[in-house]
Every structure is written in structure tokens, then in C-alpha cells.
Amino acid sequence: MSRETIERKCPECDTWNVGPVHRCENCGATLDPQSRLKEEEADREKKRLALPKTRFDVFLDSIQQSDNLFVKVVYVVLKGIWFVYWVVLSFILWLIAATPG
């Protein structure tokens, strides 16, 4: 019985790693593609959460948490109009894409 050795090239330092290793022996980077995608997704989420909120985001948060009934109703109505706008726009774009020519 012959066992084939698995060689993986590290995407970070271009070192070839022999055997069933999950991390690079040289730099410690992850070699498994699915694990790399999960780590990159987690890093992007951390960076997104670390960004300071914009003035608009703070404004929307204050409206959502307002105790004033009128402000809440206006927010819900505007949010509904925005949703309908995107539904209509998506339908029009679908019609354009669905018609030949």
C-alpha cells in the first residue's frame, strides 16, 4: 500500500506544506479554503462593527427608539414607501430582463 502525501501551498508565504496540516508550518496561515473563507468573513464583520456610526445611522437609531408616537408612525410609513419603491423597481428591472431584445 502506498500512501500519497498531500502538499498544500500556503497562499500567504508560498511555502509548500506536506501532510494533512491545516495551518502553514512557516507562517501559521490557514490552508483549508472553507476555513479561510470563514475567517475572512469574521474579519470583515469585526472591521464593520469597529467602524464608527455615521450621523445618519445615529439619526435612524434615535428615530427608532423615540417615545413619540408621531415620529414612530412617520418612520414606519417612510420605511414602507421605501420598501414599495424597491419592489416596483425590482419588478421593472425583471420585466426588462425577461423581455427578449
PDB file of N, CA and C in Angstrom:
ATOM      1  N   MET A   1       0.826  -1.172   0.000  1.00  0.00           N
ATOM      2  CA  MET A   1       0.000   0.000   0.000  1.00  0.00           C
ATOM      3  C   MET A   1       0.879   1.246   0.000  1.00  0.00           C
ATOM      4  N   SER A   2       0.604   2.109  -0.918  1.00  0.00           N
ATOM      5  CA  SER A   2       1.358   3.361  -0.953  1.00  0.00           C
ATOM      6  C   SER A   2       0.442   4.509  -0.530  1.00  0.00           C
ATOM      7  N   ARG A   3       0.957   5.296   0.318  1.00  0.00           N
ATOM      8  CA  ARG A   3       0.195   6.452   0.775  1.00  0.00           C
ATOM      9  C   ARG A   3       0.675   7.687   0.021  1.00  0.00           C
ATOM     10  N   GLU A   4      -0.278   8.411  -0.505  1.00  0.00           N
ATOM     11  CA  GLU A   4       0.075   9.638  -1.201  1.00  0.00           C
ATOM     12  C   GLU A   4       0.198  10.765  -0.180  1.00  0.00           C
ATOM     13  N   THR A   5       1.215  11.555  -0.352  1.00  0.00           N
ATOM     14  CA  THR A   5       1.372  12.693   0.541  1.00  0.00           C
ATOM     15  C   THR A   5       0.621  13.892  -0.042  1.00  0.00           C
ATOM     16  N   ILE A   6       0.022  14.619   0.837  1.00  0.00           N
ATOM     17  CA  ILE A   6      -0.731  15.796   0.428  1.00  0.00           C
ATOM     18  C   ILE A   6       0.174  17.012   0.586  1.00  0.00           C
ATOM     19  N   GLU A   7       0.270  17.793  -0.473  1.00  0.00           N
ATOM     20  CA  GLU A   7       1.048  19.021  -0.416  1.00  0.00           C
ATOM     21  C   GLU A   7       0.117  20.190  -0.683  1.00  0.00           C
ATOM     22  N   ARG A   8       0.210  21.177   0.175  1.00  0.00           N
ATOM     23  CA  ARG A   8      -0.589  22.394   0.000  1.00  0.00           C
ATOM     24  C   ARG A   8       0.346  23.590   0.028  1.00  0.00           C
ATOM     25  N   LYS A   9       0.075  24.499  -0.900  1.00  0.00           N
ATOM     26  CA  LYS A   9       0.878  25.721  -0.960  1.00  0.00           C
ATOM     27  C   LYS A   9       0.178  26.804  -0.159  1.00  0.00           C
ATOM     28  N   CYS A  10       0.912  27.427   0.722  1.00  0.00           N
ATOM     29  CA  CYS A  10       0.362  28.486   1.556  1.00  0.00           C
ATOM     30  C   CYS A  10       0.082  29.715   0.696  1.00  0.00           C
ATOM     31  N   PRO A  11      -1.127  30.270   0.780  1.00  0.00           N
ATOM     32  CA  PRO A  11      -1.440  31.457  -0.013  1.00  0.00           C
ATOM     33  C   PRO A  11      -0.761  32.727   0.501  1.00  0.00           C
ATOM     34  N   GLU A  12      -0.258  32.693   1.717  1.00  0.00           N
ATOM     35  CA  GLU A  12       0.377  33.878   2.300  1.00  0.00           C
ATOM     36  C   GLU A  12       1.875  33.949   1.999  1.00  0.00           C
ATOM     37  N   CYS A  13       2.576  32.847   2.263  1.00  0.00           N
ATOM     38  CA  CYS A  13       4.044  32.885   2.140  1.00  0.00           C
ATOM     39  C   CYS A  13       4.587  31.971   1.034  1.00  0.00           C
ATOM     40  N   ASP A  14       3.708  31.291   0.297  1.00  0.00           N
ATOM     41  CA  ASP A  14       4.074  30.405  -0.819  1.00  0.00           C
ATOM     42  C   ASP A  14       4.959  29.234  -0.413  1.00  0.00           C
ATOM     43  N   THR A  15       4.862  28.810   0.839  1.00  0.00           N
ATOM     44  CA  THR A  15       5.608  27.647   1.322  1.00  0.00           C
ATOM     45  C   THR A  15       4.770  26.394   1.076  1.00  0.00           C
ATOM     46  N   TRP A  16       5.427  25.327   0.607  1.00  0.00           N
ATOM     47  CA  TRP A  16       4.719  24.058   0.413  1.00  0.00           C
ATOM     48  C   TRP A  16       4.702  23.301   1.729  1.00  0.00           C
ATOM     49  N   ASN A  17       3.523  22.866   2.150  1.00  0.00           N
ATOM     50  CA  ASN A  17       3.351  22.122   3.397  1.00  0.00           C
ATOM     51  C   ASN A  17       2.984  20.687   3.057  1.00  0.00           C
ATOM     52  N   VAL A  18       3.688  19.753   3.645  1.00  0.00           N
ATOM     53  CA  VAL A  18       3.483  18.333   3.361  1.00  0.00           C
ATOM     54  C   VAL A  18       2.707  17.703   4.503  1.00  0.00           C
ATOM     55  N   GLY A  19       1.742  16.866   4.160  1.00  0.00           N
ATOM     56  CA  GLY A  19       0.967  16.152   5.162  1.00  0.00           C
ATOM     57  C   GLY A  19      -0.381  16.810   5.400  1.00  0.00           C
ATOM     58  N   PRO A  20      -1.173  16.172   6.235  1.00  0.00           N
ATOM     59  CA  PRO A  20      -2.529  16.694   6.497  1.00  0.00           C
ATOM     60  C   PRO A  20      -2.527  17.819   7.538  1.00  0.00           C
ATOM     61  N   VAL A  21      -1.882  18.926   7.211  1.00  0.00           N
ATOM     62  CA  VAL A  21      -1.827  20.056   8.129  1.00  0.00           C
ATOM     63  C   VAL A  21      -2.895  21.070   7.747  1.00  0.00           C
ATOM     64  N   HIS A  22      -3.425  21.759   8.739  1.00  0.00           N
ATOM     65  CA  HIS A  22      -4.465  22.751   8.494  1.00  0.00           C
ATOM     66  C   HIS A  22      -3.909  24.170   8.529  1.00  0.00           C
ATOM     67  N   ARG A  23      -2.715  24.310   9.080  1.00  0.00           N
ATOM     68  CA  ARG A  23      -2.067  25.621   9.141  1.00  0.00           C
ATOM     69  C   ARG A  23      -0.662  25.519   8.552  1.00  0.00           C
ATOM     70  N   CYS A  24      -0.223  26.611   7.991  1.00  0.00           N
ATOM     71  CA  CYS A  24       1.115  26.659   7.395  1.00  0.00           C
ATOM     72  C   CYS A  24       2.169  26.486   8.491  1.00  0.00           C
ATOM     73  N   GLU A  25       3.159  25.669   8.209  1.00  0.00           N
ATOM     74  CA  GLU A  25       4.225  25.436   9.184  1.00  0.00           C
ATOM     75  C   GLU A  25       5.164  26.630   9.277  1.00  0.00           C
ATOM     76  N   ASN A  26       5.165  27.479   8.249  1.00  0.00           N
ATOM     77  CA  ASN A  26       6.070  28.623   8.230  1.00  0.00           C
ATOM     78  C   ASN A  26       5.451  29.863   8.873  1.00  0.00           C
ATOM     79  N   CYS A  27       4.237  30.226   8.412  1.00  0.00           N
ATOM     80  CA  CYS A  27       3.648  31.484   8.895  1.00  0.00           C
ATOM     81  C   CYS A  27       2.392  31.290   9.743  1.00  0.00           C
ATOM     82  N   GLY A  28       1.822  30.094   9.770  1.00  0.00           N
ATOM     83  CA  GLY A  28       0.648  29.820  10.590  1.00  0.00           C
ATOM     84  C   GLY A  28      -0.685  30.157   9.935  1.00  0.00           C
ATOM     85  N   ALA A  29      -0.676  30.514   8.648  1.00  0.00           N
ATOM     86  CA  ALA A  29      -1.922  30.844   7.947  1.00  0.00           C
ATOM     87  C   ALA A  29      -2.752  29.582   7.720  1.00  0.00           C
ATOM     88  N   THR A  30      -4.060  29.744   7.636  1.00  0.00           N
ATOM     89  CA  THR A  30      -4.963  28.625   7.404  1.00  0.00           C
ATOM     90  C   THR A  30      -4.837  28.155   5.958  1.00  0.00           C
ATOM     91  N   LEU A  31      -4.787  26.844   5.757  1.00  0.00           N
ATOM     92  CA  LEU A  31      -4.640  26.283   4.417  1.00  0.00           C
ATOM     93  C   LEU A  31      -5.967  25.801   3.828  1.00  0.00           C
ATOM     94  N   ASP A  32      -6.928  25.459   4.673  1.00  0.00           N
ATOM     95  CA  ASP A  32      -8.212  24.955   4.205  1.00  0.00           C
ATOM     96  C   ASP A  32      -9.035  26.098   3.609  1.00  0.00           C
ATOM     97  N   PRO A  33      -9.510  25.969   2.357  1.00  0.00           N
ATOM     98  CA  PRO A  33     -10.245  27.070   1.719  1.00  0.00           C
ATOM     99  C   PRO A  33     -11.526  27.473   2.458  1.00  0.00           C
ATOM    100  N   GLN A  34     -12.294  26.515   2.954  1.00  0.00           N
ATOM    101  CA  GLN A  34     -13.525  26.855   3.666  1.00  0.00           C
ATOM    102  C   GLN A  34     -13.223  27.589   4.971  1.00  0.00           C
ATOM    103  N   SER A  35     -12.202  27.142   5.667  1.00  0.00           N
ATOM    104  CA  SER A  35     -11.817  27.809   6.918  1.00  0.00           C
ATOM    105  C   SER A  35     -11.320  29.221   6.645  1.00  0.00           C
ATOM    106  N   ARG A  36     -10.588  29.393   5.530  1.00  0.00           N
ATOM    107  CA  ARG A  36     -10.100  30.731   5.156  1.00  0.00           C
ATOM    108  C   ARG A  36     -11.268  31.666   4.884  1.00  0.00           C
ATOM    109  N   LEU A  37     -12.301  31.165   4.179  1.00  0.00           N
ATOM    110  CA  LEU A  37     -13.469  31.991   3.882  1.00  0.00           C
ATOM    111  C   LEU A  37     -14.186  32.406   5.165  1.00  0.00           C
ATOM    112  N   LYS A  38     -14.325  31.459   6.099  1.00  0.00           N
ATOM    113  CA  LYS A  38     -14.983  31.769   7.365  1.00  0.00           C
ATOM    114  C   LYS A  38     -14.176  32.801   8.159  1.00  0.00           C
ATOM    115  N   GLU A  39     -12.855  32.658   8.187  1.00  0.00           N
ATOM    116  CA  GLU A  39     -12.013  33.608   8.902  1.00  0.00           C
ATOM    117  C   GLU A  39     -12.081  34.995   8.267  1.00  0.00           C
ATOM    118  N   GLU A  40     -12.065  35.045   6.922  1.00  0.00           N
ATOM    119  CA  GLU A  40     -12.151  36.333   6.232  1.00  0.00           C
ATOM    120  C   GLU A  40     -13.498  36.997   6.495  1.00  0.00           C
ATOM    121  N   GLU A  41     -14.570  36.206   6.505  1.00  0.00           N
ATOM    122  CA  GLU A  41     -15.906  36.743   6.796  1.00  0.00           C
ATOM    123  C   GLU A  41     -15.959  37.308   8.214  1.00  0.00           C
ATOM    124  N   ALA A  42     -15.371  36.582   9.161  1.00  0.00           N
ATOM    125  CA  ALA A  42     -15.347  37.052  10.547  1.00  0.00           C
ATOM    126  C   ALA A  42     -14.522  38.331  10.670  1.00  0.00           C
ATOM    127  N   ASP A  43     -13.408  38.419   9.949  1.00  0.00           N
ATOM    128  CA  ASP A  43     -12.574  39.629   9.980  1.00  0.00           C
ATOM    129  C   ASP A  43     -13.324  40.827   9.391  1.00  0.00           C
ATOM    130  N   ARG A  44     -14.044  40.597   8.271  1.00  0.00           N
ATOM    131  CA  ARG A  44     -14.824  41.690   7.676  1.00  0.00           C
ATOM    132  C   ARG A  44     -15.909  42.177   8.628  1.00  0.00           C
ATOM    133  N   GLU A  45     -16.558  41.233   9.326  1.00  0.00           N
ATOM    134  CA  GLU A  45     -17.608  41.602  10.270  1.00  0.00           C
ATOM    135  C   GLU A  45     -17.029  42.397  11.443  1.00  0.00           C
ATOM    136  N   LYS A  46     -15.850  41.982  11.929  1.00  0.00           N
ATOM    137  CA  LYS A  46     -15.196  42.719  13.018  1.00  0.00           C
ATOM    138  C   LYS A  46     -14.851  44.133  12.581  1.00  0.00           C
ATOM    139  N   LYS A  47     -14.328  44.282  11.362  1.00  0.00           N
ATOM    140  CA  LYS A  47     -13.985  45.607  10.857  1.00  0.00           C
ATOM    141  C   LYS A  47     -15.229  46.465  10.688  1.00  0.00           C
ATOM    142  N   ARG A  48     -16.325  45.862  10.216  1.00  0.00           N
ATOM    143  CA  ARG A  48     -17.562  46.609  10.022  1.00  0.00           C
ATOM    144  C   ARG A  48     -18.108  47.096  11.359  1.00  0.00           C
ATOM    145  N   LEU A  49     -18.053  46.238  12.373  1.00  0.00           N
ATOM    146  CA  LEU A  49     -18.549  46.621  13.688  1.00  0.00           C
ATOM    147  C   LEU A  49     -17.641  47.638  14.374  1.00  0.00           C
ATOM    148  N   ALA A  50     -16.361  47.652  14.014  1.00  0.00           N
ATOM    149  CA  ALA A  50     -15.421  48.572  14.630  1.00  0.00           C
ATOM    150  C   ALA A  50     -15.541  49.992  14.066  1.00  0.00           C
ATOM    151  N   LEU A  51     -16.156  50.125  12.885  1.00  0.00           N
ATOM    152  CA  LEU A  51     -16.307  51.451  12.296  1.00  0.00           C
ATOM    153  C   LEU A  51     -17.275  52.288  13.117  1.00  0.00           C
ATOM    154  N   PRO A  52     -16.983  53.561  13.256  1.00  0.00           N
ATOM    155  CA  PRO A  52     -17.928  54.414  13.996  1.00  0.00           C
ATOM    156  C   PRO A  52     -19.204  54.621  13.181  1.00  0.00           C
ATOM    157  N   LYS A  53     -20.317  54.788  13.896  1.00  0.00           N
ATOM    158  CA  LYS A  53     -21.589  55.000  13.216  1.00  0.00           C
ATOM    159  C   LYS A  53     -21.604  56.378  12.560  1.00  0.00           C
ATOM    160  N   THR A  54     -22.235  56.434  11.397  1.00  0.00           N
ATOM    161  CA  THR A  54     -22.374  57.712  10.719  1.00  0.00           C
ATOM    162  C   THR A  54     -23.470  58.528  11.393  1.00  0.00           C
ATOM    163  N   ARG A  55     -23.545  59.784  11.060  1.00  0.00           N
ATOM    164  CA  ARG A  55     -24.576  60.641  11.645  1.00  0.00           C
ATOM    165  C   ARG A  55     -25.966  60.154  11.242  1.00  0.00           C
ATOM    166  N   PHE A  56     -26.078  59.654  10.016  1.00  0.00           N
ATOM    167  CA  PHE A  56     -27.360  59.149   9.539  1.00  0.00           C
ATOM    168  C   PHE A  56     -27.791  57.920  10.335  1.00  0.00           C
ATOM    169  N   ASP A  57     -26.843  57.008  10.606  1.00  0.00           N
ATOM    170  CA  ASP A  57     -27.165  55.819  11.403  1.00  0.00           C
ATOM    171  C   ASP A  57     -27.603  56.200  12.813  1.00  0.00           C
ATOM    172  N   VAL A  58     -26.925  57.175  13.402  1.00  0.00           N
ATOM    173  CA  VAL A  58     -27.304  57.644  14.737  1.00  0.00           C
ATOM    174  C   VAL A  58     -28.702  58.260  14.692  1.00  0.00           C
ATOM    175  N   PHE A  59     -28.981  59.021  13.630  1.00  0.00           N
ATOM    176  CA  PHE A  59     -30.297  59.628  13.460  1.00  0.00           C
ATOM    177  C   PHE A  59     -31.390  58.564  13.344  1.00  0.00           C
ATOM    178  N   LEU A  60     -31.150  57.538  12.532  1.00  0.00           N
ATOM    179  CA  LEU A  60     -32.139  56.459  12.388  1.00  0.00           C
ATOM    180  C   LEU A  60     -32.347  55.718  13.703  1.00  0.00           C
ATOM    181  N   ASP A  61     -31.270  55.473  14.436  1.00  0.00           N
ATOM    182  CA  ASP A  61     -31.404  54.810  15.733  1.00  0.00           C
ATOM    183  C   ASP A  61     -32.242  55.641  16.700  1.00  0.00           C
ATOM    184  N   SER A  62     -32.019  56.954  16.676  1.00  0.00           N
ATOM    185  CA  SER A  62     -32.788  57.811  17.582  1.00  0.00           C
ATOM    186  C   SER A  62     -34.265  57.836  17.199  1.00  0.00           C
ATOM    187  N   ILE A  63     -34.564  57.779  15.905  1.00  0.00           N
ATOM    188  CA  ILE A  63     -35.964  57.754  15.470  1.00  0.00           C
ATOM    189  C   ILE A  63     -36.621  56.435  15.876  1.00  0.00           C
ATOM    190  N   GLN A  64     -35.920  55.329  15.670  1.00  0.00           N
ATOM    191  CA  GLN A  64     -36.475  54.014  16.017  1.00  0.00           C
ATOM    192  C   GLN A  64     -36.756  53.895  17.500  1.00  0.00           C
ATOM    193  N   GLN A  65     -35.946  54.524  18.334  1.00  0.00           N
ATOM    194  CA  GLN A  65     -36.102  54.402  19.782  1.00  0.00           C
ATOM    195  C   GLN A  65     -36.865  55.566  20.394  1.00  0.00           C
ATOM    196  N   SER A  66     -37.490  56.367  19.541  1.00  0.00           N
ATOM    197  CA  SER A  66     -38.227  57.527  20.027  1.00  0.00           C
ATOM    198  C   SER A  66     -39.487  57.097  20.782  1.00  0.00           C
ATOM    199  N   ASP A  67     -39.856  57.884  21.783  1.00  0.00           N
ATOM    200  CA  ASP A  67     -41.086  57.627  22.535  1.00  0.00           C
ATOM    201  C   ASP A  67     -42.294  58.305  21.895  1.00  0.00           C
ATOM    202  N   ASN A  68     -42.053  59.221  20.972  1.00  0.00           N
ATOM    203  CA  ASN A  68     -43.123  59.965  20.320  1.00  0.00           C
ATOM    204  C   ASN A  68     -43.825  59.076  19.300  1.00  0.00           C
ATOM    205  N   LEU A  69     -45.135  58.917  19.445  1.00  0.00           N
ATOM    206  CA  LEU A  69     -45.922  58.061  18.551  1.00  0.00           C
ATOM    207  C   LEU A  69     -45.912  58.591  17.127  1.00  0.00           C
ATOM    208  N   PHE A  70     -45.994  59.908  16.957  1.00  0.00           N
ATOM    209  CA  PHE A  70     -45.996  60.501  15.623  1.00  0.00           C
ATOM    210  C   PHE A  70     -44.704  60.180  14.872  1.00  0.00           C
ATOM    211  N   VAL A  71     -43.576  60.280  15.554  1.00  0.00           N
ATOM    212  CA  VAL A  71     -42.278  60.000  14.931  1.00  0.00           C
ATOM    213  C   VAL A  71     -42.205  58.537  14.513  1.00  0.00           C
ATOM    214  N   LYS A  72     -42.695  57.639  15.361  1.00  0.00           N
ATOM    215  CA  LYS A  72     -42.683  56.212  15.027  1.00  0.00           C
ATOM    216  C   LYS A  72     -43.552  55.918  13.816  1.00  0.00           C
ATOM    217  N   VAL A  73     -44.748  56.548  13.758  1.00  0.00           N
ATOM    218  CA  VAL A  73     -45.664  56.320  12.630  1.00  0.00           C
ATOM    219  C   VAL A  73     -45.038  56.837  11.341  1.00  0.00           C
ATOM    220  N   VAL A  74     -44.454  58.023  11.378  1.00  0.00           N
ATOM    221  CA  VAL A  74     -43.807  58.572  10.180  1.00  0.00           C
ATOM    222  C   VAL A  74     -42.665  57.666   9.734  1.00  0.00           C
ATOM    223  N   TYR A  75     -41.893  57.159  10.672  1.00  0.00           N
ATOM    224  CA  TYR A  75     -40.783  56.252  10.335  1.00  0.00           C
ATOM    225  C   TYR A  75     -41.300  54.982   9.657  1.00  0.00           C
ATOM    226  N   VAL A  76     -42.353  54.387  10.197  1.00  0.00           N
ATOM    227  CA  VAL A  76     -42.900  53.154   9.622  1.00  0.00           C
ATOM    228  C   VAL A  76     -43.471  53.427   8.234  1.00  0.00           C
ATOM    229  N   VAL A  77     -44.161  54.551   8.057  1.00  0.00           N
ATOM    230  CA  VAL A  77     -44.730  54.884   6.747  1.00  0.00           C
ATOM    231  C   VAL A  77     -43.624  55.105   5.724  1.00  0.00           C
ATOM    232  N   LEU A  78     -42.597  55.851   6.086  1.00  0.00           N
ATOM    233  CA  LEU A  78     -41.494  56.085   5.159  1.00  0.00           C
ATOM    234  C   LEU A  78     -40.746  54.794   4.824  1.00  0.00           C
ATOM    235  N   LYS A  79     -40.604  53.949   5.813  1.00  0.00           N
ATOM    236  CA  LYS A  79     -39.948  52.654   5.577  1.00  0.00           C
ATOM    237  C   LYS A  79     -40.783  51.799   4.623  1.00  0.00           C
ATOM    238  N   GLY A  80     -42.106  51.843   4.768  1.00  0.00           N
ATOM    239  CA  GLY A  80     -42.994  51.117   3.858  1.00  0.00           C
ATOM    240  C   GLY A  80     -42.927  51.658   2.447  1.00  0.00           C
ATOM    241  N   ILE A  81     -42.889  52.988   2.313  1.00  0.00           N
ATOM    242  CA  ILE A  81     -42.767  53.594   0.980  1.00  0.00           C
ATOM    243  C   ILE A  81     -41.452  53.190   0.331  1.00  0.00           C
ATOM    244  N   TRP A  82     -40.392  53.183   1.114  1.00  0.00           N
ATOM    245  CA  TRP A  82     -39.080  52.772   0.597  1.00  0.00           C
ATOM    246  C   TRP A  82     -39.113  51.314   0.128  1.00  0.00           C
ATOM    247  N   PHE A  83     -39.772  50.461   0.883  1.00  0.00           N
ATOM    248  CA  PHE A  83     -39.889  49.048   0.513  1.00  0.00           C
ATOM    249  C   PHE A  83     -40.676  48.901  -0.784  1.00  0.00           C
ATOM    250  N   VAL A  84     -41.793  49.595  -0.909  1.00  0.00           N
ATOM    251  CA  VAL A  84     -42.615  49.523  -2.126  1.00  0.00           C
ATOM    252  C   VAL A  84     -41.827  50.048  -3.322  1.00  0.00           C
ATOM    253  N   TYR A  85     -41.075  51.107  -3.121  1.00  0.00           N
ATOM    254  CA  TYR A  85     -40.236  51.653  -4.194  1.00  0.00           C
ATOM    255  C   TYR A  85     -39.293  50.579  -4.735  1.00  0.00           C
ATOM    256  N   TRP A  86     -38.611  49.869  -3.842  1.00  0.00           N
ATOM    257  CA  TRP A  86     -37.667  48.842  -4.288  1.00  0.00           C
ATOM    258  C   TRP A  86     -38.369  47.651  -4.919  1.00  0.00           C
ATOM    259  N   VAL A  87     -39.555  47.319  -4.446  1.00  0.00           N
ATOM    260  CA  VAL A  87     -40.311  46.226  -5.061  1.00  0.00           C
ATOM    261  C   VAL A  87     -40.691  46.595  -6.487  1.00  0.00           C
ATOM    262  N   VAL A  88     -41.200  47.814  -6.696  1.00  0.00           N
ATOM    263  CA  VAL A  88     -41.584  48.255  -8.031  1.00  0.00           C
ATOM    264  C   VAL A  88     -40.365  48.333  -8.941  1.00  0.00           C
ATOM    265  N   LEU A  89     -39.282  48.896  -8.444  1.00  0.00           N
ATOM    266  CA  LEU A  89     -38.061  48.980  -9.244  1.00  0.00           C
ATOM    267  C   LEU A  89     -37.549  47.591  -9.619  1.00  0.00           C
ATOM    268  N   SER A  90     -37.577  46.657  -8.686  1.00  0.00           N
ATOM    269  CA  SER A  90     -37.141  45.289  -8.985  1.00  0.00           C
ATOM    270  C   SER A  90     -38.030  44.640 -10.028  1.00  0.00           C
ATOM    271  N   PHE A  91     -39.334  44.876  -9.944  1.00  0.00           N
ATOM    272  CA  PHE A  91     -40.263  44.317 -10.920  1.00  0.00           C
ATOM    273  C   PHE A  91     -39.998  44.889 -12.309  1.00  0.00           C
ATOM    274  N   ILE A  92     -39.746  46.191 -12.388  1.00  0.00           N
ATOM    275  CA  ILE A  92     -39.455  46.812 -13.684  1.00  0.00           C
ATOM    276  C   ILE A  92     -38.158  46.250 -14.260  1.00  0.00           C
ATOM    277  N   LEU A  93     -37.150  46.114 -13.446  1.00  0.00           N
ATOM    278  CA  LEU A  93     -35.890  45.529 -13.913  1.00  0.00           C
ATOM    279  C   LEU A  93     -36.072  44.083 -14.338  1.00  0.00           C
ATOM    280  N   TRP A  94     -36.918  43.336 -13.634  1.00  0.00           N
ATOM    281  CA  TRP A  94     -37.202  41.966 -14.033  1.00  0.00           C
ATOM    282  C   TRP A  94     -37.910  41.935 -15.371  1.00  0.00           C
ATOM    283  N   LEU A  95     -38.852  42.831 -15.591  1.00  0.00           N
ATOM    284  CA  LEU A  95     -39.554  42.901 -16.875  1.00  0.00           C
ATOM    285  C   LEU A  95     -38.587  43.200 -18.009  1.00  0.00           C
ATOM    286  N   ILE A  96     -37.677  44.133 -17.769  1.00  0.00           N
ATOM    287  CA  ILE A  96     -36.686  44.466 -18.789  1.00  0.00           C
ATOM    288  C   ILE A  96     -35.810  43.260 -19.109  1.00  0.00           C
ATOM    289  N   ALA A  97     -35.410  42.538 -18.077  1.00  0.00           N
ATOM    290  CA  ALA A  97     -34.534  41.373 -18.285  1.00  0.00           C
ATOM    291  C   ALA A  97     -35.300  40.198 -18.887  1.00  0.00           C
ATOM    292  N   ALA A  98     -36.595  40.091 -18.606  1.00  0.00           N
ATOM    293  CA  ALA A  98     -37.363  38.945 -19.078  1.00  0.00           C
ATOM    294  C   ALA A  98     -37.798  39.082 -20.530  1.00  0.00           C
ATOM    295  N   THR A  99     -37.951  40.306 -20.993  1.00  0.00           N
ATOM    296  CA  THR A  99     -38.393  40.501 -22.377  1.00  0.00           C
ATOM    297  C   THR A  99     -37.206  40.331 -23.307  1.00  0.00           C
ATOM    298  N   PRO A 100     -37.416  39.631 -24.423  1.00  0.00           N
ATOM    299  CA  PRO A 100     -36.314  39.446 -25.364  1.00  0.00           C
ATOM    300  C   PRO A 100     -35.993  40.767 -26.076  1.00  0.00           C
ATOM    301  N   GLY A 101     -34.705  40.981 -26.247  1.00  0.00           N
ATOM    302  CA  GLY A 101     -34.268  42.157 -27.005  1.00  0.00           C
ATOM    303  C   GLY A 101     -34.190  43.292 -26.146  1.00  0.00           C
TER     304      GLY A 101
END
